[in-house]
Amino acid sequence: MKPIIWKYRGEGNLPETIWAGEVPYLSFPLLEESGIVSHGFSTRLGGVSEGWFATMNFTFLHGDSREHVMENYRRMAKALGVDETRMVLSYQTHTTNVRKVTEEDAGKGVVRERDYQDVDGLITDVPGITLVTFYADCVPLYFVDPVHRAIGLSHSGWRGTVARMGRETLTSMREAYGTDPGDVLCCIGPSICQDCFEVGGEVTEAFEQEFDEKYWPELYYRKGNGKYQLNLWKANEIILREAGVRPEHIQVTNICTRCNPDYLFSHRIMGRERGNLAAFLCLKS
């Protein structure tokens, strides 16, 4: 196995790279140490897809062979110690809609058709069901409530972030399971970093309307060309803290999808000629 040499953004090396045979994935110590979940974030490596999708692609929707994608799910399931036939997939359209996943949903998106759309967040308290969401620069948000034994997994691009997807997921967990945000362990997964995420003024104006002015210097800076560099990692961290998550219960990635195109898919680099990464989260039995 050829070692992965990450280009880190900042101090440390979170999350950690785990190899399960020939399948590498990323793992957060905070969640692993809880002892109640299996989780991971995929890389481009270890799968069987070809061409634009090489090799560990998890989307059925961009033209990849269904047999290849299914084999990729089987390989990741084996690596994580979960059952691919009990995975439940999101149907992402940059909303803040969160679906409560029950036993009746097991397998939807993988071995059964999804009977829902416009779902960017998933929550469950059913052991053995693996929540799955998709990425190629946007932010994965992991939630683990060790008190009520409930989990959540959400996709948060800039639209989801400005609409506070992290808060909406925690609210859904509170309503469904009685979750107290102060108990929840949260991780902000691999996604585009501030130095790579150039946006226009209409985007920063949206963030100015949603975030207190004291945060603006942390959220963006303006460049000479009139564009801005936006920090989605910091924005989501602020959202989680303001929603009641303790600072010591938050781990933030320093792996950027755009900085590491050999190992991760990036929409900013590849456009639609690419596969999708995936985040996985499962409550252990």
Protein backbone atom coordinates (compact mmCIF):
# COMPACT_ATOMS: atom_id res chain seq x y z
CA MET A 1 0.00 0.00 0.00
CA LYS A 2 1.32 3.41 -0.99
CA PRO A 3 1.14 5.79 1.99
CA ILE A 4 -1.19 8.79 1.79
CA ILE A 5 0.64 12.10 2.15
CA TRP A 6 -1.99 14.64 3.12
CA LYS A 7 -1.63 18.37 2.61
CA TYR A 8 -2.90 19.62 5.96
CA ARG A 9 -4.38 23.05 6.56
CA GLY A 10 -3.09 24.18 9.92
CA GLU A 11 -1.88 22.29 12.97
CA GLY A 12 -2.29 18.60 13.77
CA ASN A 13 -3.69 15.82 11.64
CA LEU A 14 -7.40 15.38 12.18
CA PRO A 15 -9.05 13.17 11.19
CA GLU A 16 -6.80 10.11 11.29
CA THR A 17 -6.16 7.83 8.31
CA ILE A 18 -7.23 4.24 8.92
CA TRP A 19 -6.39 1.34 6.61
CA ALA A 20 -8.72 -1.66 6.57
CA GLY A 21 -6.93 -3.99 4.20
CA GLU A 22 -6.68 -2.03 0.93
CA VAL A 23 -9.43 0.44 1.87
CA PRO A 24 -8.34 3.69 3.55
CA TYR A 25 -10.79 5.95 5.32
CA LEU A 26 -10.70 8.90 7.70
CA SER A 27 -11.76 8.64 11.34
CA PHE A 28 -12.24 11.12 14.19
CA PRO A 29 -10.79 10.11 17.59
CA LEU A 30 -13.63 11.93 19.40
CA LEU A 31 -16.23 9.64 17.84
CA GLU A 32 -14.10 6.51 18.04
CA GLU A 33 -13.48 7.05 21.73
CA SER A 34 -17.23 7.20 22.40
CA GLY A 35 -17.29 3.44 21.83
CA ILE A 36 -20.85 3.45 20.52
CA VAL A 37 -20.44 4.16 16.80
CA SER A 38 -18.69 2.97 13.68
CA HIS A 39 -17.88 5.84 11.36
CA GLY A 40 -15.66 6.98 8.54
CA PHE A 41 -15.13 9.34 5.63
CA SER A 42 -14.08 7.79 2.34
CA THR A 43 -11.17 8.63 0.06
CA ARG A 44 -10.83 8.07 -3.68
CA LEU A 45 -8.76 4.96 -3.00
CA GLY A 46 -9.58 1.28 -2.52
CA GLY A 47 -12.52 0.85 -4.88
CA VAL A 48 -13.16 -0.63 -8.33
CA SER A 49 -14.66 2.30 -10.29
CA GLU A 50 -12.85 3.49 -13.41
CA GLY A 51 -12.22 6.68 -15.37
CA TRP A 52 -13.62 9.85 -13.77
CA PHE A 53 -14.89 7.75 -10.89
CA ALA A 54 -11.64 6.04 -9.99
CA THR A 55 -11.74 4.28 -7.74
CA MET A 56 -13.96 4.58 -4.64
CA ASN A 57 -17.08 6.32 -5.96
CA PHE A 58 -20.37 6.16 -4.05
CA THR A 59 -22.84 7.87 -6.39
CA PHE A 60 -25.11 5.91 -8.68
CA LEU A 61 -26.27 9.12 -10.37
CA HIS A 62 -23.34 10.32 -12.51
CA GLY A 63 -23.06 7.38 -14.92
CA ASP A 64 -20.79 4.95 -13.09
CA SER A 65 -21.41 1.22 -13.40
CA ARG A 66 -23.94 0.09 -10.78
CA GLU A 67 -21.93 -3.08 -10.22
CA HIS A 68 -18.81 -1.03 -9.48
CA VAL A 69 -20.63 1.26 -7.05
CA MET A 70 -22.20 -1.70 -5.25
CA GLU A 71 -18.78 -3.31 -4.87
CA ASN A 72 -17.48 -0.04 -3.43
CA TYR A 73 -20.28 -0.11 -0.85
CA ARG A 74 -19.46 -3.71 0.02
CA ARG A 75 -15.78 -2.86 0.48
CA MET A 76 -16.48 0.14 2.69
CA ALA A 77 -19.03 -1.82 4.72
CA LYS A 78 -16.45 -4.53 5.36
CA ALA A 79 -13.85 -1.91 6.32
CA LEU A 80 -16.21 -0.30 8.84
CA GLY A 81 -17.72 -3.54 10.11
CA VAL A 82 -21.27 -2.65 9.02
CA ASP A 83 -23.88 -4.10 6.67
CA GLU A 84 -24.27 -2.38 3.29
CA THR A 85 -27.84 -3.74 2.97
CA ARG A 86 -28.81 -1.68 6.05
CA MET A 87 -27.32 1.60 4.84
CA VAL A 88 -29.67 4.56 4.30
CA LEU A 89 -28.67 7.26 1.81
CA SER A 90 -29.52 10.96 1.78
CA TYR A 91 -31.02 12.69 -1.27
CA GLN A 92 -29.18 16.01 -1.21
CA THR A 93 -30.45 19.23 -2.75
CA HIS A 94 -28.82 21.83 -0.41
CA THR A 95 -31.80 21.97 1.96
CA THR A 96 -31.87 21.81 5.75
CA ASN A 97 -34.40 18.98 5.71
CA VAL A 98 -33.61 16.21 8.20
CA ARG A 99 -35.16 12.73 7.98
CA LYS A 100 -35.75 10.50 10.99
CA VAL A 101 -34.55 7.07 9.87
CA THR A 102 -36.34 4.00 11.21
CA GLU A 103 -35.95 0.26 10.77
CA GLU A 104 -38.34 0.46 7.82
CA ASP A 105 -35.79 2.60 5.93
CA ALA A 106 -32.96 0.03 6.05
CA GLY A 107 -31.29 -0.32 2.66
CA LYS A 108 -32.91 2.69 0.99
CA GLY A 109 -30.65 4.07 -1.71
CA VAL A 110 -28.46 0.97 -1.88
CA VAL A 111 -30.59 -2.16 -2.23
CA ARG A 112 -34.01 -0.42 -2.19
CA GLU A 113 -35.33 2.68 -3.92
CA ARG A 114 -35.56 5.85 -1.86
CA ASP A 115 -39.13 7.06 -1.38
CA TYR A 116 -38.00 10.55 -0.38
CA GLN A 117 -36.16 13.52 -1.88
CA ASP A 118 -34.70 16.82 -0.64
CA VAL A 119 -33.07 15.28 2.42
CA ASP A 120 -29.66 16.62 3.43
CA GLY A 121 -29.63 15.30 6.99
CA LEU A 122 -30.33 11.91 8.55
CA ILE A 123 -30.87 10.96 12.20
CA THR A 124 -31.57 7.62 13.88
CA ASP A 125 -31.50 5.73 17.14
CA VAL A 126 -31.67 2.30 15.46
CA PRO A 127 -28.51 0.23 16.02
CA GLY A 128 -27.01 -1.32 12.91
CA ILE A 129 -28.39 1.20 10.41
CA THR A 130 -25.63 3.18 8.72
CA LEU A 131 -26.40 6.76 7.70
CA VAL A 132 -24.68 7.87 4.46
CA THR A 133 -24.25 11.36 3.01
CA PHE A 134 -22.22 12.58 0.00
CA TYR A 135 -19.47 15.12 -0.70
CA ALA A 136 -17.04 16.68 -3.14
CA ASP A 137 -16.16 19.93 -1.26
CA CYS A 138 -19.20 20.54 1.00
CA VAL A 139 -19.03 19.99 4.75
CA PRO A 140 -19.94 16.70 6.49
CA LEU A 141 -21.33 17.10 10.00
CA TYR A 142 -21.29 14.14 12.42
CA PHE A 143 -23.43 14.03 15.59
CA VAL A 144 -23.30 11.43 18.37
CA ASP A 145 -25.53 11.59 21.46
CA PRO A 146 -24.04 9.05 23.90
CA VAL A 147 -26.74 9.70 26.53
CA HIS A 148 -29.78 8.86 24.39
CA ARG A 149 -27.78 6.66 21.98
CA ALA A 150 -28.78 8.58 18.88
CA ILE A 151 -26.79 9.81 15.88
CA GLY A 152 -27.03 12.31 13.03
CA LEU A 153 -25.17 12.93 9.80
CA SER A 154 -25.70 16.05 7.67
CA HIS A 155 -24.49 17.65 4.44
CA SER A 156 -23.77 21.38 4.71
CA GLY A 157 -22.60 23.40 1.72
CA TRP A 158 -22.53 27.18 1.93
CA ARG A 159 -26.32 27.34 1.56
CA GLY A 160 -26.83 24.73 4.26
CA THR A 161 -24.29 26.46 6.46
CA VAL A 162 -25.85 29.92 6.21
CA ALA A 163 -29.20 28.24 7.00
CA ARG A 164 -27.55 26.58 10.04
CA MET A 165 -27.86 22.94 9.11
CA GLY A 166 -25.95 21.97 12.25
CA ARG A 167 -28.54 23.63 14.46
CA GLU A 168 -31.40 22.10 12.47
CA THR A 169 -29.93 18.61 12.91
CA LEU A 170 -29.58 19.09 16.67
CA THR A 171 -33.14 20.40 16.86
CA SER A 172 -34.39 17.33 15.02
CA MET A 173 -32.48 15.06 17.40
CA ARG A 174 -33.92 16.86 20.41
CA GLU A 175 -37.46 16.55 19.09
CA ALA A 176 -37.05 12.88 18.14
CA TYR A 177 -34.88 11.53 20.96
CA GLY A 178 -34.68 14.15 23.71
CA THR A 179 -31.09 15.03 22.80
CA ASP A 180 -29.38 17.79 24.80
CA PRO A 181 -26.79 19.56 22.59
CA GLY A 182 -24.49 19.78 25.63
CA ASP A 183 -24.10 16.00 25.51
CA VAL A 184 -23.48 15.70 21.78
CA LEU A 185 -20.10 14.90 20.21
CA CYS A 186 -19.71 16.71 16.86
CA CYS A 187 -17.17 16.51 14.07
CA ILE A 188 -16.73 18.76 11.04
CA GLY A 189 -15.37 16.54 8.29
CA PRO A 190 -13.07 16.91 5.26
CA SER A 191 -14.25 19.63 2.90
CA ILE A 192 -13.00 22.74 1.12
CA CYS A 193 -10.77 25.04 3.19
CA GLN A 194 -10.97 28.82 3.39
CA ASP A 195 -7.96 29.43 1.15
CA CYS A 196 -9.59 27.35 -1.61
CA PHE A 197 -13.17 28.59 -1.32
CA GLU A 198 -13.55 31.80 -3.32
CA VAL A 199 -17.04 33.31 -3.32
CA GLY A 200 -18.77 36.48 -4.45
CA GLY A 201 -20.11 39.30 -2.34
CA GLU A 202 -23.67 37.95 -2.46
CA VAL A 203 -22.50 34.92 -0.46
CA THR A 204 -20.70 36.91 2.22
CA GLU A 205 -23.72 39.23 2.46
CA ALA A 206 -25.86 36.18 3.26
CA PHE A 207 -23.44 35.24 6.04
CA GLU A 208 -23.42 38.80 7.37
CA GLN A 209 -27.19 38.63 7.74
CA GLU A 210 -27.01 35.35 9.69
CA PHE A 211 -23.85 35.76 11.80
CA ASP A 212 -22.99 38.39 14.39
CA GLU A 213 -20.56 41.04 13.15
CA LYS A 214 -17.96 39.95 15.69
CA TYR A 215 -17.51 36.73 13.67
CA TRP A 216 -17.03 38.30 10.26
CA PRO A 217 -13.20 38.54 10.44
CA GLU A 218 -13.07 34.80 11.20
CA LEU A 219 -15.51 33.89 8.45
CA TYR A 220 -14.06 35.64 5.40
CA TYR A 221 -11.48 38.01 4.00
CA ARG A 222 -11.61 40.13 0.86
CA LYS A 223 -9.03 39.87 -1.90
CA GLY A 224 -7.75 42.40 -4.39
CA ASN A 225 -10.00 41.05 -7.14
CA GLY A 226 -13.11 41.90 -5.13
CA LYS A 227 -13.82 38.25 -4.29
CA TYR A 228 -13.84 36.70 -0.82
CA GLN A 229 -12.42 33.59 0.82
CA LEU A 230 -15.04 31.94 3.04
CA ASN A 231 -14.31 29.69 6.03
CA LEU A 232 -17.03 27.01 6.18
CA TRP A 233 -15.18 25.11 8.92
CA LYS A 234 -15.26 28.11 11.26
CA ALA A 235 -18.86 28.94 10.33
CA ASN A 236 -20.05 25.45 11.22
CA GLU A 237 -18.04 25.46 14.44
CA ILE A 238 -19.74 28.72 15.46
CA ILE A 239 -23.15 27.27 14.60
CA LEU A 240 -22.54 24.19 16.75
CA ARG A 241 -21.27 26.25 19.70
CA GLU A 242 -24.22 28.64 19.53
CA ALA A 243 -26.58 25.66 19.37
CA GLY A 244 -25.22 24.47 22.71
CA VAL A 245 -22.47 22.01 21.82
CA ARG A 246 -19.53 22.25 24.20
CA PRO A 247 -16.24 23.42 22.59
CA GLU A 248 -14.44 20.34 23.90
CA HIS A 249 -17.04 18.18 22.14
CA ILE A 250 -16.19 19.55 18.69
CA GLN A 251 -13.41 18.29 16.43
CA VAL A 252 -12.69 20.15 13.19
CA THR A 253 -10.93 18.68 10.18
CA ASN A 254 -7.82 20.18 8.66
CA ILE A 255 -8.01 18.13 5.46
CA CYS A 256 -9.21 20.09 2.42
CA THR A 257 -10.82 18.27 -0.50
CA ARG A 258 -9.48 20.75 -3.07
CA CYS A 259 -5.94 20.64 -1.64
CA ASN A 260 -5.85 16.83 -1.95
CA PRO A 261 -7.28 15.89 -5.39
CA ASP A 262 -5.17 12.71 -5.62
CA TYR A 263 -7.04 11.31 -2.62
CA LEU A 264 -10.40 13.15 -2.53
CA PHE A 265 -12.97 14.26 -5.11
CA SER A 266 -13.34 18.04 -5.46
CA HIS A 267 -16.09 19.73 -7.44
CA ARG A 268 -14.06 22.93 -7.62
CA ILE A 269 -11.35 21.06 -9.54
CA MET A 270 -13.23 18.33 -11.39
CA GLY A 271 -16.70 19.70 -11.97
CA ARG A 272 -19.18 16.89 -12.63
CA GLU A 273 -16.50 14.65 -14.14
CA ARG A 274 -15.90 12.90 -10.83
CA GLY A 275 -17.26 10.51 -8.27
CA ASN A 276 -18.62 11.29 -4.82
CA LEU A 277 -17.03 10.80 -1.44
CA ALA A 278 -19.25 9.61 1.39
CA ALA A 279 -19.56 9.96 5.16
CA PHE A 280 -20.75 6.94 7.14
CA LEU A 281 -22.12 6.78 10.69
CA CYS A 282 -23.63 3.74 12.43
CA LEU A 283 -24.82 3.19 16.00
CA LYS A 284 -23.34 -0.07 17.25
CA SER A 285 -25.63 -2.82 18.50
